[in-house]
PDB file of N, CA and C in Angstrom:
ATOM      1  N   MET A   1     -34.985 -12.146 -87.350  1.00  0.00           N
ATOM      2  CA  MET A   1     -35.485 -13.352 -87.980  1.00  0.00           C
ATOM      3  C   MET A   1     -37.009 -13.237 -88.051  1.00  0.00           C
ATOM      4  N   THR A   2     -37.568 -13.429 -89.214  1.00  0.00           N
ATOM      5  CA  THR A   2     -39.004 -13.241 -89.372  1.00  0.00           C
ATOM      6  C   THR A   2     -39.647 -14.443 -90.049  1.00  0.00           C
ATOM      7  N   PHE A   3     -39.514 -15.612 -89.446  1.00  0.00           N
ATOM      8  CA  PHE A   3     -40.138 -16.794 -90.017  1.00  0.00           C
ATOM      9  C   PHE A   3     -40.970 -17.489 -88.962  1.00  0.00           C
ATOM     10  N   THR A   4     -41.872 -18.313 -89.416  1.00  0.00           N
ATOM     11  CA  THR A   4     -42.633 -19.161 -88.517  1.00  0.00           C
ATOM     12  C   THR A   4     -42.302 -20.590 -88.856  1.00  0.00           C
ATOM     13  N   SER A   5     -41.892 -21.325 -87.871  1.00  0.00           N
ATOM     14  CA  SER A   5     -41.552 -22.717 -88.096  1.00  0.00           C
ATOM     15  C   SER A   5     -42.827 -23.556 -88.140  1.00  0.00           C
ATOM     16  N   VAL A   6     -42.930 -24.411 -89.120  1.00  0.00           N
ATOM     17  CA  VAL A   6     -44.108 -25.254 -89.265  1.00  0.00           C
ATOM     18  C   VAL A   6     -43.657 -26.709 -89.326  1.00  0.00           C
ATOM     19  N   VAL A   7     -44.256 -27.528 -88.499  1.00  0.00           N
ATOM     20  CA  VAL A   7     -43.964 -28.959 -88.524  1.00  0.00           C
ATOM     21  C   VAL A   7     -44.852 -29.580 -89.592  1.00  0.00           C
ATOM     22  N   SER A   8     -44.247 -30.262 -90.554  1.00  0.00           N
ATOM     23  CA  SER A   8     -45.047 -30.859 -91.615  1.00  0.00           C
ATOM     24  C   SER A   8     -45.819 -32.067 -91.084  1.00  0.00           C
ATOM     25  N   TRP A   9     -46.959 -32.350 -91.709  1.00  0.00           N
ATOM     26  CA  TRP A   9     -47.782 -33.483 -91.297  1.00  0.00           C
ATOM     27  C   TRP A   9     -47.044 -34.799 -91.489  1.00  0.00           C
ATOM     28  N   ASP A  10     -46.137 -34.857 -92.465  1.00  0.00           N
ATOM     29  CA  ASP A  10     -45.357 -36.083 -92.663  1.00  0.00           C
ATOM     30  C   ASP A  10     -44.521 -36.392 -91.430  1.00  0.00           C
ATOM     31  N   CYS A  11     -43.914 -35.361 -90.839  1.00  0.00           N
ATOM     32  CA  CYS A  11     -43.102 -35.561 -89.627  1.00  0.00           C
ATOM     33  C   CYS A  11     -43.967 -36.046 -88.474  1.00  0.00           C
ATOM     34  N   VAL A  12     -45.158 -35.492 -88.363  1.00  0.00           N
ATOM     35  CA  VAL A  12     -46.067 -35.900 -87.285  1.00  0.00           C
ATOM     36  C   VAL A  12     -46.488 -37.350 -87.479  1.00  0.00           C
ATOM     37  N   ARG A  13     -46.814 -37.727 -88.706  1.00  0.00           N
ATOM     38  CA  ARG A  13     -47.215 -39.111 -88.984  1.00  0.00           C
ATOM     39  C   ARG A  13     -46.083 -40.081 -88.687  1.00  0.00           C
ATOM     40  N   ILE A  14     -44.861 -39.708 -89.050  1.00  0.00           N
ATOM     41  CA  ILE A  14     -43.709 -40.572 -88.763  1.00  0.00           C
ATOM     42  C   ILE A  14     -43.513 -40.709 -87.257  1.00  0.00           C
ATOM     43  N   ALA A  15     -43.680 -39.606 -86.528  1.00  0.00           N
ATOM     44  CA  ALA A  15     -43.545 -39.669 -85.070  1.00  0.00           C
ATOM     45  C   ALA A  15     -44.605 -40.581 -84.472  1.00  0.00           C
ATOM     46  N   PHE A  16     -45.855 -40.514 -84.975  1.00  0.00           N
ATOM     47  CA  PHE A  16     -46.913 -41.412 -84.499  1.00  0.00           C
ATOM     48  C   PHE A  16     -46.572 -42.866 -84.823  1.00  0.00           C
ATOM     49  N   LEU A  17     -46.046 -43.109 -86.011  1.00  0.00           N
ATOM     50  CA  LEU A  17     -45.666 -44.466 -86.404  1.00  0.00           C
ATOM     51  C   LEU A  17     -44.576 -45.009 -85.490  1.00  0.00           C
ATOM     52  N   LEU A  18     -43.544 -44.212 -85.247  1.00  0.00           N
ATOM     53  CA  LEU A  18     -42.461 -44.648 -84.365  1.00  0.00           C
ATOM     54  C   LEU A  18     -42.961 -44.907 -82.948  1.00  0.00           C
ATOM     55  N   ALA A  19     -43.855 -44.065 -82.473  1.00  0.00           N
ATOM     56  CA  ALA A  19     -44.422 -44.273 -81.135  1.00  0.00           C
ATOM     57  C   ALA A  19     -45.204 -45.573 -81.090  1.00  0.00           C
ATOM     58  N   ALA A  20     -45.995 -45.861 -82.121  1.00  0.00           N
ATOM     59  CA  ALA A  20     -46.778 -47.099 -82.148  1.00  0.00           C
ATOM     60  C   ALA A  20     -45.875 -48.326 -82.222  1.00  0.00           C
ATOM     61  N   LEU A  21     -44.837 -48.267 -83.044  1.00  0.00           N
ATOM     62  CA  LEU A  21     -43.923 -49.407 -83.189  1.00  0.00           C
ATOM     63  C   LEU A  21     -43.117 -49.681 -81.925  1.00  0.00           C
ATOM     64  N   ASN A  22     -42.888 -48.638 -81.139  1.00  0.00           N
ATOM     65  CA  ASN A  22     -42.083 -48.784 -79.920  1.00  0.00           C
ATOM     66  C   ASN A  22     -42.921 -48.764 -78.649  1.00  0.00           C
ATOM     67  N   ASN A  23     -44.252 -48.856 -78.809  1.00  0.00           N
ATOM     68  CA  ASN A  23     -45.167 -48.905 -77.667  1.00  0.00           C
ATOM     69  C   ASN A  23     -44.974 -47.700 -76.731  1.00  0.00           C
ATOM     70  N   LEU A  24     -44.885 -46.519 -77.318  1.00  0.00           N
ATOM     71  CA  LEU A  24     -44.681 -45.294 -76.554  1.00  0.00           C
ATOM     72  C   LEU A  24     -45.986 -44.521 -76.440  1.00  0.00           C
ATOM     73  N   ASP A  25     -46.162 -43.814 -75.347  1.00  0.00           N
ATOM     74  CA  ASP A  25     -47.314 -42.944 -75.177  1.00  0.00           C
ATOM     75  C   ASP A  25     -47.079 -41.631 -75.925  1.00  0.00           C
ATOM     76  N   ILE A  26     -48.162 -41.028 -76.382  1.00  0.00           N
ATOM     77  CA  ILE A  26     -48.089 -39.750 -77.087  1.00  0.00           C
ATOM     78  C   ILE A  26     -48.803 -38.696 -76.251  1.00  0.00           C
ATOM     79  N   LEU A  27     -48.133 -37.587 -76.056  1.00  0.00           N
ATOM     80  CA  LEU A  27     -48.730 -36.444 -75.366  1.00  0.00           C
ATOM     81  C   LEU A  27     -48.815 -35.288 -76.353  1.00  0.00           C
ATOM     82  N   ALA A  28     -49.930 -34.609 -76.381  1.00  0.00           N
ATOM     83  CA  ALA A  28     -50.097 -33.474 -77.292  1.00  0.00           C
ATOM     84  C   ALA A  28     -50.805 -32.347 -76.558  1.00  0.00           C
ATOM     85  N   ALA A  29     -50.606 -31.139 -77.043  1.00  0.00           N
ATOM     86  CA  ALA A  29     -51.239 -29.976 -76.424  1.00  0.00           C
ATOM     87  C   ALA A  29     -51.449 -28.899 -77.469  1.00  0.00           C
ATOM     88  N   ASP A  30     -52.354 -28.007 -77.176  1.00  0.00           N
ATOM     89  CA  ASP A  30     -52.592 -26.839 -78.014  1.00  0.00           C
ATOM     90  C   ASP A  30     -52.497 -25.621 -77.105  1.00  0.00           C
ATOM     91  N   VAL A  31     -51.718 -24.661 -77.488  1.00  0.00           N
ATOM     92  CA  VAL A  31     -51.545 -23.453 -76.688  1.00  0.00           C
ATOM     93  C   VAL A  31     -52.417 -22.356 -77.270  1.00  0.00           C
ATOM     94  N   GLN A  32     -53.385 -21.912 -76.509  1.00  0.00           N
ATOM     95  CA  GLN A  32     -54.250 -20.834 -76.985  1.00  0.00           C
ATOM     96  C   GLN A  32     -53.642 -19.491 -76.605  1.00  0.00           C
ATOM     97  N   ASN A  33     -53.838 -18.523 -77.450  1.00  0.00           N
ATOM     98  CA  ASN A  33     -53.274 -17.184 -77.238  1.00  0.00           C
ATOM     99  C   ASN A  33     -51.764 -17.256 -77.050  1.00  0.00           C
ATOM    100  N   ALA A  34     -51.133 -18.105 -77.843  1.00  0.00           N
ATOM    101  CA  ALA A  34     -49.703 -18.374 -77.686  1.00  0.00           C
ATOM    102  C   ALA A  34     -48.860 -17.107 -77.734  1.00  0.00           C
ATOM    103  N   TYR A  35     -49.098 -16.253 -78.703  1.00  0.00           N
ATOM    104  CA  TYR A  35     -48.238 -15.089 -78.876  1.00  0.00           C
ATOM    105  C   TYR A  35     -48.299 -14.139 -77.687  1.00  0.00           C
ATOM    106  N   LEU A  36     -49.404 -14.125 -76.971  1.00  0.00           N
ATOM    107  CA  LEU A  36     -49.531 -13.208 -75.841  1.00  0.00           C
ATOM    108  C   LEU A  36     -48.623 -13.594 -74.676  1.00  0.00           C
ATOM    109  N   ASN A  37     -48.031 -14.784 -74.733  1.00  0.00           N
ATOM    110  CA  ASN A  37     -47.100 -15.223 -73.695  1.00  0.00           C
ATOM    111  C   ASN A  37     -45.657 -14.914 -74.046  1.00  0.00           C
ATOM    112  N   THR A  38     -45.440 -14.260 -75.160  1.00  0.00           N
ATOM    113  CA  THR A  38     -44.096 -14.019 -75.663  1.00  0.00           C
ATOM    114  C   THR A  38     -43.849 -12.524 -75.796  1.00  0.00           C
ATOM    115  N   ALA A  39     -42.710 -12.088 -75.312  1.00  0.00           N
ATOM    116  CA  ALA A  39     -42.341 -10.667 -75.436  1.00  0.00           C
ATOM    117  C   ALA A  39     -41.734 -10.406 -76.805  1.00  0.00           C
ATOM    118  N   THR A  40     -41.828  -9.177 -77.274  1.00  0.00           N
ATOM    119  CA  THR A  40     -41.183  -8.809 -78.525  1.00  0.00           C
ATOM    120  C   THR A  40     -39.721  -8.487 -78.252  1.00  0.00           C
ATOM    121  N   LYS A  41     -38.876  -8.715 -79.243  1.00  0.00           N
ATOM    122  CA  LYS A  41     -37.466  -8.341 -79.121  1.00  0.00           C
ATOM    123  C   LYS A  41     -37.208  -6.996 -79.786  1.00  0.00           C
ATOM    124  N   GLU A  42     -38.155  -6.567 -80.593  1.00  0.00           N
ATOM    125  CA  GLU A  42     -37.988  -5.308 -81.307  1.00  0.00           C
ATOM    126  C   GLU A  42     -38.875  -4.240 -80.680  1.00  0.00           C
ATOM    127  N   LYS A  43     -38.572  -3.000 -80.969  1.00  0.00           N
ATOM    128  CA  LYS A  43     -39.407  -1.908 -80.468  1.00  0.00           C
ATOM    129  C   LYS A  43     -40.527  -1.676 -81.475  1.00  0.00           C
ATOM    130  N   VAL A  44     -41.764  -1.844 -81.013  1.00  0.00           N
ATOM    131  CA  VAL A  44     -42.926  -1.672 -81.875  1.00  0.00           C
ATOM    132  C   VAL A  44     -43.889  -0.711 -81.182  1.00  0.00           C
ATOM    133  N   TRP A  45     -44.405   0.226 -81.946  1.00  0.00           N
ATOM    134  CA  TRP A  45     -45.393   1.139 -81.382  1.00  0.00           C
ATOM    135  C   TRP A  45     -46.444   1.427 -82.433  1.00  0.00           C
ATOM    136  N   THR A  46     -47.556   1.945 -81.976  1.00  0.00           N
ATOM    137  CA  THR A  46     -48.649   2.362 -82.848  1.00  0.00           C
ATOM    138  C   THR A  46     -49.387   3.493 -82.151  1.00  0.00           C
ATOM    139  N   ARG A  47     -50.421   3.969 -82.756  1.00  0.00           N
ATOM    140  CA  ARG A  47     -51.261   4.994 -82.121  1.00  0.00           C
ATOM    141  C   ARG A  47     -52.560   4.340 -81.665  1.00  0.00           C
ATOM    142  N   ALA A  48     -52.983   4.695 -80.479  1.00  0.00           N
ATOM    143  CA  ALA A  48     -54.221   4.149 -79.918  1.00  0.00           C
ATOM    144  C   ALA A  48     -55.409   4.571 -80.773  1.00  0.00           C
ATOM    145  N   GLY A  49     -56.339   3.642 -80.983  1.00  0.00           N
ATOM    146  CA  GLY A  49     -57.530   3.922 -81.782  1.00  0.00           C
ATOM    147  C   GLY A  49     -58.650   4.524 -80.954  1.00  0.00           C
ATOM    148  N   LYS A  50     -59.796   4.716 -81.589  1.00  0.00           N
ATOM    149  CA  LYS A  50     -60.960   5.328 -80.938  1.00  0.00           C
ATOM    150  C   LYS A  50     -61.430   4.536 -79.722  1.00  0.00           C
ATOM    151  N   GLU A  51     -61.204   3.208 -79.754  1.00  0.00           N
ATOM    152  CA  GLU A  51     -61.662   2.373 -78.643  1.00  0.00           C
ATOM    153  C   GLU A  51     -60.943   2.672 -77.326  1.00  0.00           C
ATOM    154  N   PHE A  52     -59.884   3.486 -77.374  1.00  0.00           N
ATOM    155  CA  PHE A  52     -59.163   3.865 -76.161  1.00  0.00           C
ATOM    156  C   PHE A  52     -59.688   5.160 -75.553  1.00  0.00           C
ATOM    157  N   GLY A  53     -60.811   5.644 -76.067  1.00  0.00           N
ATOM    158  CA  GLY A  53     -61.465   6.818 -75.492  1.00  0.00           C
ATOM    159  C   GLY A  53     -60.602   8.056 -75.505  1.00  0.00           C
ATOM    160  N   SER A  54     -60.399   8.628 -74.312  1.00  0.00           N
ATOM    161  CA  SER A  54     -59.635   9.874 -74.220  1.00  0.00           C
ATOM    162  C   SER A  54     -58.156   9.676 -74.574  1.00  0.00           C
ATOM    163  N   ASN A  55     -57.690   8.442 -74.612  1.00  0.00           N
ATOM    164  CA  ASN A  55     -56.302   8.163 -74.972  1.00  0.00           C
ATOM    165  C   ASN A  55     -56.121   7.933 -76.470  1.00  0.00           C
ATOM    166  N   ALA A  56     -57.183   8.049 -77.250  1.00  0.00           N
ATOM    167  CA  ALA A  56     -57.094   7.853 -78.699  1.00  0.00           C
ATOM    168  C   ALA A  56     -56.067   8.806 -79.297  1.00  0.00           C
ATOM    169  N   GLY A  57     -55.255   8.266 -80.205  1.00  0.00           N
ATOM    170  CA  GLY A  57     -54.232   9.076 -80.860  1.00  0.00           C
ATOM    171  C   GLY A  57     -52.903   9.108 -80.145  1.00  0.00           C
ATOM    172  N   ARG A  58     -52.880   8.658 -78.915  1.00  0.00           N
ATOM    173  CA  ARG A  58     -51.624   8.645 -78.156  1.00  0.00           C
ATOM    174  C   ARG A  58     -50.778   7.452 -78.586  1.00  0.00           C
ATOM    175  N   PRO A  59     -49.443   7.574 -78.490  1.00  0.00           N
ATOM    176  CA  PRO A  59     -48.587   6.442 -78.859  1.00  0.00           C
ATOM    177  C   PRO A  59     -48.730   5.297 -77.853  1.00  0.00           C
ATOM    178  N   VAL A  60     -48.690   4.064 -78.368  1.00  0.00           N
ATOM    179  CA  VAL A  60     -48.801   2.861 -77.549  1.00  0.00           C
ATOM    180  C   VAL A  60     -47.605   1.971 -77.870  1.00  0.00           C
ATOM    181  N   ILE A  61     -46.900   1.523 -76.855  1.00  0.00           N
ATOM    182  CA  ILE A  61     -45.766   0.614 -77.043  1.00  0.00           C
ATOM    183  C   ILE A  61     -46.275  -0.815 -76.911  1.00  0.00           C
ATOM    184  N   ILE A  62     -45.967  -1.654 -77.894  1.00  0.00           N
ATOM    185  CA  ILE A  62     -46.400  -3.049 -77.887  1.00  0.00           C
ATOM    186  C   ILE A  62     -45.293  -3.883 -77.258  1.00  0.00           C
ATOM    187  N   VAL A  63     -45.625  -4.624 -76.197  1.00  0.00           N
ATOM    188  CA  VAL A  63     -44.623  -5.410 -75.484  1.00  0.00           C
ATOM    189  C   VAL A  63     -44.812  -6.912 -75.665  1.00  0.00           C
ATOM    190  N   CYS A  64     -45.946  -7.351 -76.187  1.00  0.00           N
ATOM    191  CA  CYS A  64     -46.191  -8.772 -76.440  1.00  0.00           C
ATOM    192  C   CYS A  64     -46.195  -9.024 -77.934  1.00  0.00           C
ATOM    193  N   ALA A  65     -45.747 -10.208 -78.325  1.00  0.00           N
ATOM    194  CA  ALA A  65     -45.752 -10.579 -79.739  1.00  0.00           C
ATOM    195  C   ALA A  65     -47.195 -10.793 -80.167  1.00  0.00           C
ATOM    196  N   LEU A  66     -47.716  -9.912 -80.994  1.00  0.00           N
ATOM    197  CA  LEU A  66     -49.107  -9.970 -81.417  1.00  0.00           C
ATOM    198  C   LEU A  66     -49.226 -10.623 -82.788  1.00  0.00           C
ATOM    199  N   TYR A  67     -50.376 -11.232 -83.038  1.00  0.00           N
ATOM    200  CA  TYR A  67     -50.643 -11.762 -84.362  1.00  0.00           C
ATOM    201  C   TYR A  67     -50.574 -10.605 -85.345  1.00  0.00           C
ATOM    202  N   GLY A  68     -49.876 -10.804 -86.435  1.00  0.00           N
ATOM    203  CA  GLY A  68     -49.736  -9.759 -87.437  1.00  0.00           C
ATOM    204  C   GLY A  68     -48.340  -9.159 -87.476  1.00  0.00           C
ATOM    205  N   LEU A  69     -47.604  -9.222 -86.374  1.00  0.00           N
ATOM    206  CA  LEU A  69     -46.222  -8.748 -86.404  1.00  0.00           C
ATOM    207  C   LEU A  69     -45.370  -9.800 -87.128  1.00  0.00           C
ATOM    208  N   LYS A  70     -44.452  -9.361 -87.965  1.00  0.00           N
ATOM    209  CA  LYS A  70     -43.659 -10.297 -88.766  1.00  0.00           C
ATOM    210  C   LYS A  70     -42.832 -11.258 -87.923  1.00  0.00           C
ATOM    211  N   SER A  71     -42.338 -10.821 -86.798  1.00  0.00           N
ATOM    212  CA  SER A  71     -41.437 -11.662 -86.006  1.00  0.00           C
ATOM    213  C   SER A  71     -42.141 -12.482 -84.925  1.00  0.00           C
ATOM    214  N   SER A  72     -43.449 -12.366 -84.790  1.00  0.00           N
ATOM    215  CA  SER A  72     -44.161 -13.047 -83.698  1.00  0.00           C
ATOM    216  C   SER A  72     -44.031 -14.558 -83.747  1.00  0.00           C
ATOM    217  N   GLY A  73     -44.112 -15.146 -84.925  1.00  0.00           N
ATOM    218  CA  GLY A  73     -43.991 -16.597 -85.047  1.00  0.00           C
ATOM    219  C   GLY A  73     -42.633 -17.089 -84.586  1.00  0.00           C
ATOM    220  N   ALA A  74     -41.585 -16.396 -85.001  1.00  0.00           N
ATOM    221  CA  ALA A  74     -40.233 -16.778 -84.595  1.00  0.00           C
ATOM    222  C   ALA A  74     -40.041 -16.582 -83.091  1.00  0.00           C
ATOM    223  N   GLN A  75     -40.597 -15.491 -82.555  1.00  0.00           N
ATOM    224  CA  GLN A  75     -40.487 -15.249 -81.109  1.00  0.00           C
ATOM    225  C   GLN A  75     -41.176 -16.359 -80.324  1.00  0.00           C
ATOM    226  N   TRP A  76     -42.366 -16.767 -80.763  1.00  0.00           N
ATOM    227  CA  TRP A  76     -43.092 -17.821 -80.076  1.00  0.00           C
ATOM    228  C   TRP A  76     -42.330 -19.132 -80.146  1.00  0.00           C
ATOM    229  N   ARG A  77     -41.787 -19.462 -81.307  1.00  0.00           N
ATOM    230  CA  ARG A  77     -41.035 -20.705 -81.465  1.00  0.00           C
ATOM    231  C   ARG A  77     -39.833 -20.729 -80.521  1.00  0.00           C
ATOM    232  N   ASP A  78     -39.093 -19.621 -80.453  1.00  0.00           N
ATOM    233  CA  ASP A  78     -37.937 -19.543 -79.554  1.00  0.00           C
ATOM    234  C   ASP A  78     -38.358 -19.679 -78.093  1.00  0.00           C
ATOM    235  N   HIS A  79     -39.452 -19.021 -77.725  1.00  0.00           N
ATOM    236  CA  HIS A  79     -39.954 -19.084 -76.352  1.00  0.00           C
ATOM    237  C   HIS A  79     -40.373 -20.511 -75.978  1.00  0.00           C
ATOM    238  N   MET A  80     -41.120 -21.166 -76.875  1.00  0.00           N
ATOM    239  CA  MET A  80     -41.578 -22.529 -76.611  1.00  0.00           C
ATOM    240  C   MET A  80     -40.413 -23.508 -76.561  1.00  0.00           C
ATOM    241  N   ALA A  81     -39.451 -23.361 -77.462  1.00  0.00           N
ATOM    242  CA  ALA A  81     -38.283 -24.237 -77.471  1.00  0.00           C
ATOM    243  C   ALA A  81     -37.492 -24.103 -76.168  1.00  0.00           C
ATOM    244  N   ALA A  82     -37.308 -22.876 -75.699  1.00  0.00           N
ATOM    245  CA  ALA A  82     -36.579 -22.663 -74.445  1.00  0.00           C
ATOM    246  C   ALA A  82     -37.330 -23.268 -73.264  1.00  0.00           C
ATOM    247  N   THR A  83     -38.651 -23.129 -73.257  1.00  0.00           N
ATOM    248  CA  THR A  83     -39.470 -23.710 -72.185  1.00  0.00           C
ATOM    249  C   THR A  83     -39.357 -25.229 -72.169  1.00  0.00           C
ATOM    250  N   LEU A  84     -39.413 -25.842 -73.336  1.00  0.00           N
ATOM    251  CA  LEU A  84     -39.307 -27.303 -73.412  1.00  0.00           C
ATOM    252  C   LEU A  84     -37.905 -27.779 -73.027  1.00  0.00           C
ATOM    253  N   ARG A  85     -36.868 -27.036 -73.418  1.00  0.00           N
ATOM    254  CA  ARG A  85     -35.501 -27.409 -73.021  1.00  0.00           C
ATOM    255  C   ARG A  85     -35.343 -27.363 -71.504  1.00  0.00           C
ATOM    256  N   LYS A  86     -35.942 -26.363 -70.851  1.00  0.00           N
ATOM    257  CA  LYS A  86     -35.875 -26.270 -69.386  1.00  0.00           C
ATOM    258  C   LYS A  86     -36.555 -27.462 -68.718  1.00  0.00           C
ATOM    259  N   ALA A  87     -37.532 -28.058 -69.407  1.00  0.00           N
ATOM    260  CA  ALA A  87     -38.243 -29.225 -68.875  1.00  0.00           C
ATOM    261  C   ALA A  87     -37.549 -30.523 -69.294  1.00  0.00           C
ATOM    262  N   ASP A  88     -36.316 -30.421 -69.787  1.00  0.00           N
ATOM    263  CA  ASP A  88     -35.484 -31.563 -70.197  1.00  0.00           C
ATOM    264  C   ASP A  88     -35.981 -32.307 -71.427  1.00  0.00           C
ATOM    265  N   TYR A  89     -36.754 -31.643 -72.277  1.00  0.00           N
ATOM    266  CA  TYR A  89     -37.119 -32.220 -73.574  1.00  0.00           C
ATOM    267  C   TYR A  89     -36.016 -31.885 -74.561  1.00  0.00           C
ATOM    268  N   THR A  90     -35.808 -32.744 -75.528  1.00  0.00           N
ATOM    269  CA  THR A  90     -34.823 -32.484 -76.568  1.00  0.00           C
ATOM    270  C   THR A  90     -35.485 -32.610 -77.933  1.00  0.00           C
ATOM    271  N   SER A  91     -34.935 -31.911 -78.904  1.00  0.00           N
ATOM    272  CA  SER A  91     -35.457 -31.953 -80.261  1.00  0.00           C
ATOM    273  C   SER A  91     -35.008 -33.222 -80.967  1.00  0.00           C
ATOM    274  N   SER A  92     -35.773 -33.608 -81.948  1.00  0.00           N
ATOM    275  CA  SER A  92     -35.400 -34.722 -82.816  1.00  0.00           C
ATOM    276  C   SER A  92     -34.234 -34.285 -83.691  1.00  0.00           C
ATOM    277  N   ARG A  93     -33.283 -35.170 -83.926  1.00  0.00           N
ATOM    278  CA  ARG A  93     -32.177 -34.805 -84.811  1.00  0.00           C
ATOM    279  C   ARG A  93     -32.650 -34.725 -86.260  1.00  0.00           C
ATOM    280  N   ALA A  94     -33.693 -35.479 -86.593  1.00  0.00           N
ATOM    281  CA  ALA A  94     -34.211 -35.467 -87.964  1.00  0.00           C
ATOM    282  C   ALA A  94     -34.962 -34.180 -88.271  1.00  0.00           C
ATOM    283  N   ASN A  95     -35.661 -33.647 -87.264  1.00  0.00           N
ATOM    284  CA  ASN A  95     -36.433 -32.401 -87.452  1.00  0.00           C
ATOM    285  C   ASN A  95     -36.423 -31.665 -86.127  1.00  0.00           C
ATOM    286  N   PRO A  96     -35.681 -30.570 -86.008  1.00  0.00           N
ATOM    287  CA  PRO A  96     -35.556 -29.855 -84.738  1.00  0.00           C
ATOM    288  C   PRO A  96     -36.860 -29.325 -84.162  1.00  0.00           C
ATOM    289  N   ASP A  97     -37.922 -29.255 -84.980  1.00  0.00           N
ATOM    290  CA  ASP A  97     -39.200 -28.750 -84.491  1.00  0.00           C
ATOM    291  C   ASP A  97     -40.090 -29.852 -83.955  1.00  0.00           C
ATOM    292  N   VAL A  98     -39.583 -31.071 -83.883  1.00  0.00           N
ATOM    293  CA  VAL A  98     -40.350 -32.200 -83.308  1.00  0.00           C
ATOM    294  C   VAL A  98     -39.681 -32.606 -82.023  1.00  0.00           C
TER     295      VAL A  98
END
């Protein structure tokens, strides 16, 4: 699977409206370096560049979902969803990414 899930701004606005109408608190967060917390499911390798000194040209196995890999967005979404489920959060039936 090689997609990145995006929550539309309309869904966010509706969630804010519902929270305001029901006197609910809103919690938000931003995850920096998100992809570096997610492992890849596929085997990816490259060759080390000049910045690796004497190891330049040697094969390097990539174990973290890096920006630029096609599946990184999907891997991050799956990882975050599983983490939130473990914390007893549930998805909205109207939009599973909220």
